[in-house]
Amino acid sequence: MDIDNELKKAEVLIEALPYIQKFNRKIIVVKYGGSAMADENLKLNVIKDVVLLKLVGFKPIIVHGGGKEISKWVSKVGMETKFVNGLRVTDSATMEVAEMVLNKVNKELVKNVESLGVKACGISGKDGNMLKVTKKLSNGEDIGFVGNISEVDTSIIETLLEKDFLPVICPIGVDDEYNTYNINADDAACAIAQAVKAEKLAFLTDVEGVYKDPKDKSTLISELTLDEARELITGGNIGGGMLPKLNNCIEAIENGVKRVHILDGRILHCLLLEIFTNKGIGTAILDNEGERFYDGN
């Protein structure tokens, strides 16, 4: 037996202990999408991370996207994709394909969780009238059946958590006339995290986190307060896909989520490294008075 190697394993467990104690029975919402969902090996390892979180006492909820898979199937069935201001127009036929694909992805994730011995239940925002939406416009232009969340009914989520299920949610909602709408998965995760008063919201993305200078990879920020996050945005350092994500993070913190994490889902076990180690590997956003965990930025 290599005793030094075994001692290192023990040290990892001891380092994780205070975090396990602190977050026992707390809700964590994991927004899952991007490259981590496209790669089968990464996909299984993300699910292993979430299952481990559940088995050590967290109450995880997965909210997943499926944009790349939807695009693939839209092309496969010979439909033409239209864009307005860079956003895909979701007409009724596209919505039908999107719902089919998202439900397919949903049940695959449920299967992966169940295969690791944890009970999971896959639902959409239509179940239990969970996600009510209004039509989303892009600079005043109609982009079809794309919704902004106006209300979250947490009844079905709370029931599943009480019965020890891991909820797996796909971002589909309904309006007042019960028309079906596609919802941006980041927006859905943010709204759900706020509604269930989650301790943590974790975005698995295709970037390492937030940088002081996006061109300098050495400027990754381990922790950001609300004020610091706002300063980065107003300073013009944040652009592209990170801007709406960081705005979602700010909104979540303002509405009661204790801590939001932006992680690179392409890194194996990124969730465990961020949550259970003193340094972390992504960026955590917290309230101005929030407790800092890491050993510095």
C-alpha atoms as a PDB file:
ATOM      1  CA  MET A   1       0.000   0.000   0.000  1.00  0.00           C
ATOM      2  CA  ASP A   2       1.227   3.505  -0.908  1.00  0.00           C
ATOM      3  CA  ILE A   3       0.568   5.167   2.459  1.00  0.00           C
ATOM      4  CA  ASP A   4       1.379   8.687   1.184  1.00  0.00           C
ATOM      5  CA  ASN A   5      -1.199   8.345  -1.585  1.00  0.00           C
ATOM      6  CA  GLU A   6      -3.799   7.065   0.881  1.00  0.00           C
ATOM      7  CA  LEU A   7      -3.070   9.962   3.255  1.00  0.00           C
ATOM      8  CA  LYS A   8      -3.656  12.432   0.411  1.00  0.00           C
ATOM      9  CA  LYS A   9      -7.085  10.881  -0.121  1.00  0.00           C
ATOM     10  CA  ALA A  10      -7.834  11.307   3.576  1.00  0.00           C
ATOM     11  CA  GLU A  11      -6.697  14.950   3.458  1.00  0.00           C
ATOM     12  CA  VAL A  12      -9.119  15.630   0.604  1.00  0.00           C
ATOM     13  CA  LEU A  13     -11.980  14.212   2.670  1.00  0.00           C
ATOM     14  CA  ILE A  14     -10.975  16.263   5.719  1.00  0.00           C
ATOM     15  CA  GLU A  15     -10.803  19.440   3.593  1.00  0.00           C
ATOM     16  CA  ALA A  16     -14.329  18.731   2.339  1.00  0.00           C
ATOM     17  CA  LEU A  17     -15.764  18.065   5.823  1.00  0.00           C
ATOM     18  CA  PRO A  18     -16.571  21.674   6.889  1.00  0.00           C
ATOM     19  CA  TYR A  19     -18.320  22.316   3.568  1.00  0.00           C
ATOM     20  CA  ILE A  20     -20.350  19.117   3.908  1.00  0.00           C
ATOM     21  CA  GLN A  21     -21.361  20.175   7.417  1.00  0.00           C
ATOM     22  CA  LYS A  22     -22.191  23.736   6.377  1.00  0.00           C
ATOM     23  CA  PHE A  23     -24.396  22.822   3.432  1.00  0.00           C
ATOM     24  CA  ASN A  24     -26.107  19.725   4.804  1.00  0.00           C
ATOM     25  CA  ARG A  25     -29.799  19.694   3.751  1.00  0.00           C
ATOM     26  CA  LYS A  26     -29.349  22.890   1.719  1.00  0.00           C
ATOM     27  CA  ILE A  27     -30.667  23.222  -1.839  1.00  0.00           C
ATOM     28  CA  ILE A  28     -28.248  23.609  -4.748  1.00  0.00           C
ATOM     29  CA  VAL A  29     -29.507  24.274  -8.279  1.00  0.00           C
ATOM     30  CA  VAL A  30     -27.176  23.087 -11.040  1.00  0.00           C
ATOM     31  CA  LYS A  31     -27.682  24.567 -14.506  1.00  0.00           C
ATOM     32  CA  TYR A  32     -26.298  21.964 -16.873  1.00  0.00           C
ATOM     33  CA  GLY A  33     -25.564  22.559 -20.559  1.00  0.00           C
ATOM     34  CA  GLY A  34     -22.879  23.432 -23.073  1.00  0.00           C
ATOM     35  CA  SER A  35     -19.974  21.143 -23.932  1.00  0.00           C
ATOM     36  CA  ALA A  36     -20.355  19.167 -20.697  1.00  0.00           C
ATOM     37  CA  MET A  37     -23.655  17.908 -22.072  1.00  0.00           C
ATOM     38  CA  ALA A  38     -22.303  17.092 -25.545  1.00  0.00           C
ATOM     39  CA  ASP A  39     -19.439  14.864 -24.321  1.00  0.00           C
ATOM     40  CA  GLU A  40     -20.633  11.503 -22.978  1.00  0.00           C
ATOM     41  CA  ASN A  41     -17.704  11.114 -20.561  1.00  0.00           C
ATOM     42  CA  LEU A  42     -18.186  14.622 -19.152  1.00  0.00           C
ATOM     43  CA  LYS A  43     -21.936  14.066 -18.968  1.00  0.00           C
ATOM     44  CA  LEU A  44     -21.568  10.980 -16.798  1.00  0.00           C
ATOM     45  CA  ASN A  45     -19.022  12.674 -14.534  1.00  0.00           C
ATOM     46  CA  VAL A  46     -21.275  15.707 -13.999  1.00  0.00           C
ATOM     47  CA  ILE A  47     -24.057  13.354 -12.968  1.00  0.00           C
ATOM     48  CA  LYS A  48     -21.651  11.546 -10.618  1.00  0.00           C
ATOM     49  CA  ASP A  49     -20.810  14.899  -9.003  1.00  0.00           C
ATOM     50  CA  VAL A  50     -24.484  15.779  -8.515  1.00  0.00           C
ATOM     51  CA  VAL A  51     -25.260  12.320  -7.126  1.00  0.00           C
ATOM     52  CA  LEU A  52     -22.365  12.645  -4.671  1.00  0.00           C
ATOM     53  CA  LEU A  53     -23.702  16.037  -3.552  1.00  0.00           C
ATOM     54  CA  LYS A  54     -27.023  14.361  -2.834  1.00  0.00           C
ATOM     55  CA  LEU A  55     -25.497  11.435  -0.982  1.00  0.00           C
ATOM     56  CA  VAL A  56     -23.474  13.722   1.341  1.00  0.00           C
ATOM     57  CA  GLY A  57     -26.558  15.701   2.312  1.00  0.00           C
ATOM     58  CA  PHE A  58     -27.239  18.381  -0.298  1.00  0.00           C
ATOM     59  CA  LYS A  59     -30.624  18.702  -2.007  1.00  0.00           C
ATOM     60  CA  PRO A  60     -29.602  19.126  -5.656  1.00  0.00           C
ATOM     61  CA  ILE A  61     -31.879  20.171  -8.519  1.00  0.00           C
ATOM     62  CA  ILE A  62     -30.720  19.902 -12.133  1.00  0.00           C
ATOM     63  CA  VAL A  63     -31.998  22.429 -14.684  1.00  0.00           C
ATOM     64  CA  HIS A  64     -30.741  21.542 -18.149  1.00  0.00           C
ATOM     65  CA  GLY A  65     -30.614  23.048 -21.587  1.00  0.00           C
ATOM     66  CA  GLY A  66     -30.319  21.365 -24.951  1.00  0.00           C
ATOM     67  CA  GLY A  67     -29.755  24.076 -27.532  1.00  0.00           C
ATOM     68  CA  LYS A  68     -27.130  22.188 -29.523  1.00  0.00           C
ATOM     69  CA  GLU A  69     -29.273  19.048 -29.606  1.00  0.00           C
ATOM     70  CA  ILE A  70     -32.318  21.077 -30.699  1.00  0.00           C
ATOM     71  CA  SER A  71     -30.316  22.653 -33.538  1.00  0.00           C
ATOM     72  CA  LYS A  72     -29.177  19.203 -34.640  1.00  0.00           C
ATOM     73  CA  TRP A  73     -32.723  17.843 -34.778  1.00  0.00           C
ATOM     74  CA  VAL A  74     -34.156  20.930 -36.480  1.00  0.00           C
ATOM     75  CA  SER A  75     -31.569  20.387 -39.210  1.00  0.00           C
ATOM     76  CA  LYS A  76     -32.150  16.622 -39.249  1.00  0.00           C
ATOM     77  CA  VAL A  77     -35.868  16.993 -39.989  1.00  0.00           C
ATOM     78  CA  GLY A  78     -35.121  19.458 -42.787  1.00  0.00           C
ATOM     79  CA  MET A  79     -36.460  22.614 -41.158  1.00  0.00           C
ATOM     80  CA  GLU A  80     -34.923  26.001 -41.853  1.00  0.00           C
ATOM     81  CA  THR A  81     -33.681  27.962 -38.846  1.00  0.00           C
ATOM     82  CA  LYS A  82     -34.544  31.665 -38.822  1.00  0.00           C
ATOM     83  CA  PHE A  83     -32.825  34.257 -36.657  1.00  0.00           C
ATOM     84  CA  VAL A  84     -33.833  37.703 -35.411  1.00  0.00           C
ATOM     85  CA  ASN A  85     -31.110  39.830 -33.799  1.00  0.00           C
ATOM     86  CA  GLY A  86     -28.977  36.711 -33.457  1.00  0.00           C
ATOM     87  CA  LEU A  87     -31.713  34.751 -31.634  1.00  0.00           C
ATOM     88  CA  ARG A  88     -33.360  31.660 -33.090  1.00  0.00           C
ATOM     89  CA  VAL A  89     -37.030  32.150 -33.966  1.00  0.00           C
ATOM     90  CA  THR A  90     -39.091  29.404 -32.359  1.00  0.00           C
ATOM     91  CA  ASP A  91     -42.207  28.949 -34.497  1.00  0.00           C
ATOM     92  CA  SER A  92     -44.799  26.296 -33.641  1.00  0.00           C
ATOM     93  CA  ALA A  93     -43.019  23.568 -35.628  1.00  0.00           C
ATOM     94  CA  THR A  94     -39.654  24.386 -34.042  1.00  0.00           C
ATOM     95  CA  MET A  95     -41.283  24.419 -30.604  1.00  0.00           C
ATOM     96  CA  GLU A  96     -42.624  20.934 -31.244  1.00  0.00           C
ATOM     97  CA  VAL A  97     -39.127  19.679 -32.078  1.00  0.00           C
ATOM     98  CA  ALA A  98     -37.597  21.554 -29.124  1.00  0.00           C
ATOM     99  CA  GLU A  99     -40.031  20.012 -26.652  1.00  0.00           C
ATOM    100  CA  MET A 100     -39.418  16.541 -28.045  1.00  0.00           C
ATOM    101  CA  VAL A 101     -35.639  16.963 -27.839  1.00  0.00           C
ATOM    102  CA  LEU A 102     -35.635  18.510 -24.356  1.00  0.00           C
ATOM    103  CA  ASN A 103     -37.807  15.698 -23.004  1.00  0.00           C
ATOM    104  CA  LYS A 104     -35.466  13.150 -24.611  1.00  0.00           C
ATOM    105  CA  VAL A 105     -32.440  14.819 -22.974  1.00  0.00           C
ATOM    106  CA  ASN A 106     -34.360  15.003 -19.689  1.00  0.00           C
ATOM    107  CA  LYS A 107     -35.060  11.287 -19.536  1.00  0.00           C
ATOM    108  CA  GLU A 108     -31.465  10.425 -20.460  1.00  0.00           C
ATOM    109  CA  LEU A 109     -30.263  12.465 -17.479  1.00  0.00           C
ATOM    110  CA  VAL A 110     -32.825  10.773 -15.241  1.00  0.00           C
ATOM    111  CA  LYS A 111     -31.546   7.375 -16.432  1.00  0.00           C
ATOM    112  CA  ASN A 112     -27.954   8.370 -15.643  1.00  0.00           C
ATOM    113  CA  VAL A 113     -28.878   9.482 -12.125  1.00  0.00           C
ATOM    114  CA  GLU A 114     -30.938   6.345 -11.480  1.00  0.00           C
ATOM    115  CA  SER A 115     -28.070   4.141 -12.706  1.00  0.00           C
ATOM    116  CA  LEU A 116     -26.002   5.479  -9.790  1.00  0.00           C
ATOM    117  CA  GLY A 117     -28.581   4.458  -7.210  1.00  0.00           C
ATOM    118  CA  VAL A 118     -30.372   7.763  -6.606  1.00  0.00           C
ATOM    119  CA  LYS A 119     -34.075   8.332  -7.282  1.00  0.00           C
ATOM    120  CA  ALA A 120     -34.673  11.012  -9.929  1.00  0.00           C
ATOM    121  CA  CYS A 121     -37.769  12.487 -11.531  1.00  0.00           C
ATOM    122  CA  GLY A 122     -37.725  14.338 -14.835  1.00  0.00           C
ATOM    123  CA  ILE A 123     -40.225  17.157 -15.254  1.00  0.00           C
ATOM    124  CA  SER A 124     -40.765  20.242 -17.400  1.00  0.00           C
ATOM    125  CA  GLY A 125     -42.087  23.635 -16.416  1.00  0.00           C
ATOM    126  CA  LYS A 126     -45.494  22.504 -17.715  1.00  0.00           C
ATOM    127  CA  ASP A 127     -45.794  19.934 -14.918  1.00  0.00           C
ATOM    128  CA  GLY A 128     -47.710  21.306 -11.962  1.00  0.00           C
ATOM    129  CA  ASN A 129     -47.988  24.591 -13.881  1.00  0.00           C
ATOM    130  CA  MET A 130     -44.499  25.236 -12.513  1.00  0.00           C
ATOM    131  CA  LEU A 131     -43.178  27.828 -14.991  1.00  0.00           C
ATOM    132  CA  LYS A 132     -45.619  30.513 -16.149  1.00  0.00           C
ATOM    133  CA  VAL A 133     -44.305  32.746 -18.910  1.00  0.00           C
ATOM    134  CA  THR A 134     -44.989  35.792 -21.018  1.00  0.00           C
ATOM    135  CA  LYS A 135     -43.816  36.194 -24.602  1.00  0.00           C
ATOM    136  CA  LYS A 136     -40.218  37.367 -24.916  1.00  0.00           C
ATOM    137  CA  LEU A 137     -39.380  39.963 -27.551  1.00  0.00           C
ATOM    138  CA  SER A 138     -35.984  40.808 -29.024  1.00  0.00           C
ATOM    139  CA  ASN A 139     -35.664  44.594 -29.345  1.00  0.00           C
ATOM    140  CA  GLY A 140     -39.425  44.707 -29.808  1.00  0.00           C
ATOM    141  CA  GLU A 141     -39.451  41.972 -32.469  1.00  0.00           C
ATOM    142  CA  ASP A 142     -41.382  38.713 -32.192  1.00  0.00           C
ATOM    143  CA  ILE A 143     -39.148  35.616 -31.967  1.00  0.00           C
ATOM    144  CA  GLY A 144     -41.977  33.122 -31.594  1.00  0.00           C
ATOM    145  CA  PHE A 145     -42.587  30.795 -28.686  1.00  0.00           C
ATOM    146  CA  VAL A 146     -39.758  32.020 -26.461  1.00  0.00           C
ATOM    147  CA  GLY A 147     -40.819  32.926 -22.936  1.00  0.00           C
ATOM    148  CA  ASN A 148     -39.837  35.132 -20.025  1.00  0.00           C
ATOM    149  CA  ILE A 149     -40.670  33.535 -16.678  1.00  0.00           C
ATOM    150  CA  SER A 150     -43.335  35.500 -14.812  1.00  0.00           C
ATOM    151  CA  GLU A 151     -44.096  33.049 -12.004  1.00  0.00           C
ATOM    152  CA  VAL A 152     -42.649  29.867 -10.462  1.00  0.00           C
ATOM    153  CA  ASP A 153     -44.879  27.430  -8.577  1.00  0.00           C
ATOM    154  CA  THR A 154     -42.514  25.343  -6.442  1.00  0.00           C
ATOM    155  CA  SER A 155     -45.119  22.822  -5.207  1.00  0.00           C
ATOM    156  CA  ILE A 156     -43.983  19.906  -7.347  1.00  0.00           C
ATOM    157  CA  ILE A 157     -40.275  20.598  -6.690  1.00  0.00           C
ATOM    158  CA  GLU A 158     -40.844  20.726  -2.919  1.00  0.00           C
ATOM    159  CA  THR A 159     -42.835  17.480  -3.044  1.00  0.00           C
ATOM    160  CA  LEU A 160     -40.047  15.708  -4.937  1.00  0.00           C
ATOM    161  CA  LEU A 161     -37.360  16.963  -2.534  1.00  0.00           C
ATOM    162  CA  GLU A 162     -39.435  15.903   0.489  1.00  0.00           C
ATOM    163  CA  LYS A 163     -39.808  12.423  -1.020  1.00  0.00           C
ATOM    164  CA  ASP A 164     -36.016  12.238  -1.560  1.00  0.00           C
ATOM    165  CA  PHE A 165     -36.108  12.525  -5.365  1.00  0.00           C
ATOM    166  CA  LEU A 166     -33.579  14.489  -7.379  1.00  0.00           C
ATOM    167  CA  PRO A 167     -35.622  16.771  -9.693  1.00  0.00           C
ATOM    168  CA  VAL A 168     -34.371  17.090 -13.280  1.00  0.00           C
ATOM    169  CA  ILE A 169     -36.097  20.037 -14.969  1.00  0.00           C
ATOM    170  CA  CYS A 170     -36.237  21.045 -18.636  1.00  0.00           C
ATOM    171  CA  PRO A 171     -36.954  24.707 -19.429  1.00  0.00           C
ATOM    172  CA  ILE A 172     -40.396  24.640 -21.009  1.00  0.00           C
ATOM    173  CA  GLY A 173     -43.285  26.760 -19.720  1.00  0.00           C
ATOM    174  CA  VAL A 174     -46.807  27.881 -20.524  1.00  0.00           C
ATOM    175  CA  ASP A 175     -48.551  31.230 -20.830  1.00  0.00           C
ATOM    176  CA  ASP A 176     -52.018  32.137 -19.500  1.00  0.00           C
ATOM    177  CA  GLU A 177     -53.621  30.428 -22.520  1.00  0.00           C
ATOM    178  CA  TYR A 178     -51.475  27.298 -21.937  1.00  0.00           C
ATOM    179  CA  ASN A 179     -49.423  27.757 -25.092  1.00  0.00           C
ATOM    180  CA  THR A 180     -46.026  26.040 -24.832  1.00  0.00           C
ATOM    181  CA  TYR A 181     -42.870  28.173 -24.740  1.00  0.00           C
ATOM    182  CA  ASN A 182     -39.155  27.454 -24.779  1.00  0.00           C
ATOM    183  CA  ILE A 183     -37.192  29.225 -22.019  1.00  0.00           C
ATOM    184  CA  ASN A 184     -33.501  30.075 -21.842  1.00  0.00           C
ATOM    185  CA  ALA A 185     -32.060  27.480 -19.461  1.00  0.00           C
ATOM    186  CA  ASP A 186     -29.949  30.048 -17.563  1.00  0.00           C
ATOM    187  CA  ASP A 187     -33.078  32.135 -16.959  1.00  0.00           C
ATOM    188  CA  ALA A 188     -34.993  29.052 -15.808  1.00  0.00           C
ATOM    189  CA  ALA A 189     -32.241  27.981 -13.393  1.00  0.00           C
ATOM    190  CA  CYS A 190     -32.034  31.494 -11.972  1.00  0.00           C
ATOM    191  CA  ALA A 191     -35.809  31.784 -11.453  1.00  0.00           C
ATOM    192  CA  ILE A 192     -36.083  28.321  -9.902  1.00  0.00           C
ATOM    193  CA  ALA A 193     -33.123  28.943  -7.566  1.00  0.00           C
ATOM    194  CA  GLN A 194     -34.759  32.159  -6.348  1.00  0.00           C
ATOM    195  CA  ALA A 195     -38.148  30.499  -5.876  1.00  0.00           C
ATOM    196  CA  VAL A 196     -36.825  27.572  -3.811  1.00  0.00           C
ATOM    197  CA  LYS A 197     -34.463  29.874  -1.859  1.00  0.00           C
ATOM    198  CA  ALA A 198     -31.427  27.869  -2.931  1.00  0.00           C
ATOM    199  CA  GLU A 199     -28.218  28.103  -0.952  1.00  0.00           C
ATOM    200  CA  LYS A 200     -26.241  27.758  -4.166  1.00  0.00           C
ATOM    201  CA  LEU A 201     -26.767  28.120  -7.907  1.00  0.00           C
ATOM    202  CA  ALA A 202     -24.062  26.650 -10.140  1.00  0.00           C
ATOM    203  CA  PHE A 203     -23.764  27.406 -13.864  1.00  0.00           C
ATOM    204  CA  LEU A 204     -21.756  24.824 -15.818  1.00  0.00           C
ATOM    205  CA  THR A 205     -20.406  26.772 -18.782  1.00  0.00           C
ATOM    206  CA  ASP A 206     -17.755  26.608 -21.495  1.00  0.00           C
ATOM    207  CA  VAL A 207     -15.491  29.163 -19.772  1.00  0.00           C
ATOM    208  CA  GLU A 208     -13.270  28.922 -16.690  1.00  0.00           C
ATOM    209  CA  GLY A 209     -15.101  31.717 -14.841  1.00  0.00           C
ATOM    210  CA  VAL A 210     -14.992  35.530 -14.694  1.00  0.00           C
ATOM    211  CA  TYR A 211     -11.770  37.400 -15.472  1.00  0.00           C
ATOM    212  CA  LYS A 212     -10.645  40.910 -14.522  1.00  0.00           C
ATOM    213  CA  ASP A 213      -9.155  40.967 -18.006  1.00  0.00           C
ATOM    214  CA  PRO A 214     -10.733  38.425 -20.416  1.00  0.00           C
ATOM    215  CA  LYS A 215      -7.537  38.442 -22.502  1.00  0.00           C
ATOM    216  CA  ASP A 216      -5.382  37.421 -19.528  1.00  0.00           C
ATOM    217  CA  LYS A 217      -6.157  33.923 -18.232  1.00  0.00           C
ATOM    218  CA  SER A 218      -4.154  34.617 -15.051  1.00  0.00           C
ATOM    219  CA  THR A 219      -6.791  37.151 -13.886  1.00  0.00           C
ATOM    220  CA  LEU A 220      -9.479  34.582 -13.019  1.00  0.00           C
ATOM    221  CA  ILE A 221     -11.472  35.850 -10.014  1.00  0.00           C
ATOM    222  CA  SER A 222     -12.266  33.247  -7.351  1.00  0.00           C
ATOM    223  CA  GLU A 223     -14.853  35.369  -5.523  1.00  0.00           C
ATOM    224  CA  LEU A 224     -16.855  38.453  -6.520  1.00  0.00           C
ATOM    225  CA  THR A 225     -19.181  40.531  -4.360  1.00  0.00           C
ATOM    226  CA  LEU A 226     -22.296  42.086  -5.890  1.00  0.00           C
ATOM    227  CA  ASP A 227     -20.645  45.513  -6.012  1.00  0.00           C
ATOM    228  CA  GLU A 228     -17.519  44.099  -7.657  1.00  0.00           C
ATOM    229  CA  ALA A 229     -19.655  42.258 -10.243  1.00  0.00           C
ATOM    230  CA  ARG A 230     -21.556  45.443 -11.081  1.00  0.00           C
ATOM    231  CA  GLU A 231     -18.274  47.358 -11.414  1.00  0.00           C
ATOM    232  CA  LEU A 232     -16.949  44.784 -13.881  1.00  0.00           C
ATOM    233  CA  ILE A 233     -20.080  45.169 -16.021  1.00  0.00           C
ATOM    234  CA  THR A 234     -20.113  48.978 -15.973  1.00  0.00           C
ATOM    235  CA  GLY A 235     -16.367  49.011 -16.642  1.00  0.00           C
ATOM    236  CA  GLY A 236     -16.936  47.247 -19.956  1.00  0.00           C
ATOM    237  CA  ASN A 237     -14.782  44.223 -19.074  1.00  0.00           C
ATOM    238  CA  ILE A 238     -17.627  41.746 -19.525  1.00  0.00           C
ATOM    239  CA  GLY A 239     -19.045  40.902 -22.926  1.00  0.00           C
ATOM    240  CA  GLY A 240     -20.466  38.155 -25.086  1.00  0.00           C
ATOM    241  CA  GLY A 241     -22.308  35.300 -23.409  1.00  0.00           C
ATOM    242  CA  MET A 242     -20.865  36.146 -19.989  1.00  0.00           C
ATOM    243  CA  LEU A 243     -22.823  39.415 -19.694  1.00  0.00           C
ATOM    244  CA  PRO A 244     -26.341  37.914 -19.435  1.00  0.00           C
ATOM    245  CA  LYS A 245     -24.970  35.129 -17.239  1.00  0.00           C
ATOM    246  CA  LEU A 246     -23.398  37.586 -14.798  1.00  0.00           C
ATOM    247  CA  ASN A 247     -26.613  39.631 -14.772  1.00  0.00           C
ATOM    248  CA  ASN A 248     -28.485  36.418 -13.905  1.00  0.00           C
ATOM    249  CA  CYS A 249     -26.023  35.838 -11.055  1.00  0.00           C
ATOM    250  CA  ILE A 250     -26.572  39.352  -9.698  1.00  0.00           C
ATOM    251  CA  GLU A 251     -30.355  38.965  -9.895  1.00  0.00           C
ATOM    252  CA  ALA A 252     -30.197  35.616  -8.084  1.00  0.00           C
ATOM    253  CA  ILE A 253     -28.110  37.038  -5.219  1.00  0.00           C
ATOM    254  CA  GLU A 254     -30.387  40.071  -4.958  1.00  0.00           C
ATOM    255  CA  ASN A 255     -33.353  37.707  -4.605  1.00  0.00           C
ATOM    256  CA  GLY A 256     -32.036  35.514  -1.828  1.00  0.00           C
ATOM    257  CA  VAL A 257     -29.707  32.912  -3.368  1.00  0.00           C
ATOM    258  CA  LYS A 258     -26.694  32.832  -1.045  1.00  0.00           C
ATOM    259  CA  ARG A 259     -23.973  32.028  -3.560  1.00  0.00           C
ATOM    260  CA  VAL A 260     -23.715  31.627  -7.336  1.00  0.00           C
ATOM    261  CA  HIS A 261     -20.899  29.718  -9.048  1.00  0.00           C
ATOM    262  CA  ILE A 262     -19.723  30.007 -12.655  1.00  0.00           C
ATOM    263  CA  LEU A 263     -17.759  26.875 -13.532  1.00  0.00           C
ATOM    264  CA  ASP A 264     -16.084  25.315 -16.543  1.00  0.00           C
ATOM    265  CA  GLY A 265     -18.180  22.215 -17.170  1.00  0.00           C
ATOM    266  CA  ARG A 266     -15.423  20.827 -19.401  1.00  0.00           C
ATOM    267  CA  ILE A 267     -13.255  20.180 -16.332  1.00  0.00           C
ATOM    268  CA  LEU A 268     -13.814  16.792 -14.712  1.00  0.00           C
ATOM    269  CA  HIS A 269     -15.505  17.067 -11.305  1.00  0.00           C
ATOM    270  CA  CYS A 270     -15.637  20.864 -11.456  1.00  0.00           C
ATOM    271  CA  LEU A 271     -18.607  20.944  -9.069  1.00  0.00           C
ATOM    272  CA  LEU A 272     -16.774  19.003  -6.374  1.00  0.00           C
ATOM    273  CA  LEU A 273     -13.571  21.025  -6.787  1.00  0.00           C
ATOM    274  CA  GLU A 274     -15.455  24.322  -6.483  1.00  0.00           C
ATOM    275  CA  ILE A 275     -17.688  23.411  -3.575  1.00  0.00           C
ATOM    276  CA  PHE A 276     -15.481  21.155  -1.459  1.00  0.00           C
ATOM    277  CA  THR A 277     -11.996  22.682  -1.716  1.00  0.00           C
ATOM    278  CA  ASN A 278     -10.496  25.784  -0.094  1.00  0.00           C
ATOM    279  CA  LYS A 279      -9.393  27.314  -3.393  1.00  0.00           C
ATOM    280  CA  GLY A 280     -12.158  26.407  -5.820  1.00  0.00           C
ATOM    281  CA  ILE A 281     -11.671  26.494  -9.590  1.00  0.00           C
ATOM    282  CA  GLY A 282     -14.345  28.849 -10.942  1.00  0.00           C
ATOM    283  CA  THR A 283     -15.873  32.141  -9.854  1.00  0.00           C
ATOM    284  CA  ALA A 284     -18.266  32.497  -6.924  1.00  0.00           C
ATOM    285  CA  ILE A 285     -20.549  35.546  -6.679  1.00  0.00           C
ATOM    286  CA  LEU A 286     -21.810  36.460  -3.221  1.00  0.00           C
ATOM    287  CA  ASP A 287     -23.589  39.248  -1.388  1.00  0.00           C
ATOM    288  CA  ASN A 288     -21.455  42.202  -0.271  1.00  0.00           C
ATOM    289  CA  GLU A 289     -21.611  40.904   3.319  1.00  0.00           C
ATOM    290  CA  GLY A 290     -21.260  37.272   2.274  1.00  0.00           C
ATOM    291  CA  GLU A 291     -18.748  34.944   3.867  1.00  0.00           C
ATOM    292  CA  ARG A 292     -15.577  34.450   1.840  1.00  0.00           C
ATOM    293  CA  PHE A 293     -14.391  30.851   1.719  1.00  0.00           C
ATOM    294  CA  TYR A 294     -11.398  30.749  -0.582  1.00  0.00           C
ATOM    295  CA  ASP A 295      -7.777  31.473   0.136  1.00  0.00           C
ATOM    296  CA  GLY A 296      -7.807  34.674  -1.895  1.00  0.00           C
ATOM    297  CA  ASN A 297      -8.441  35.638  -5.532  1.00  0.00           C
END
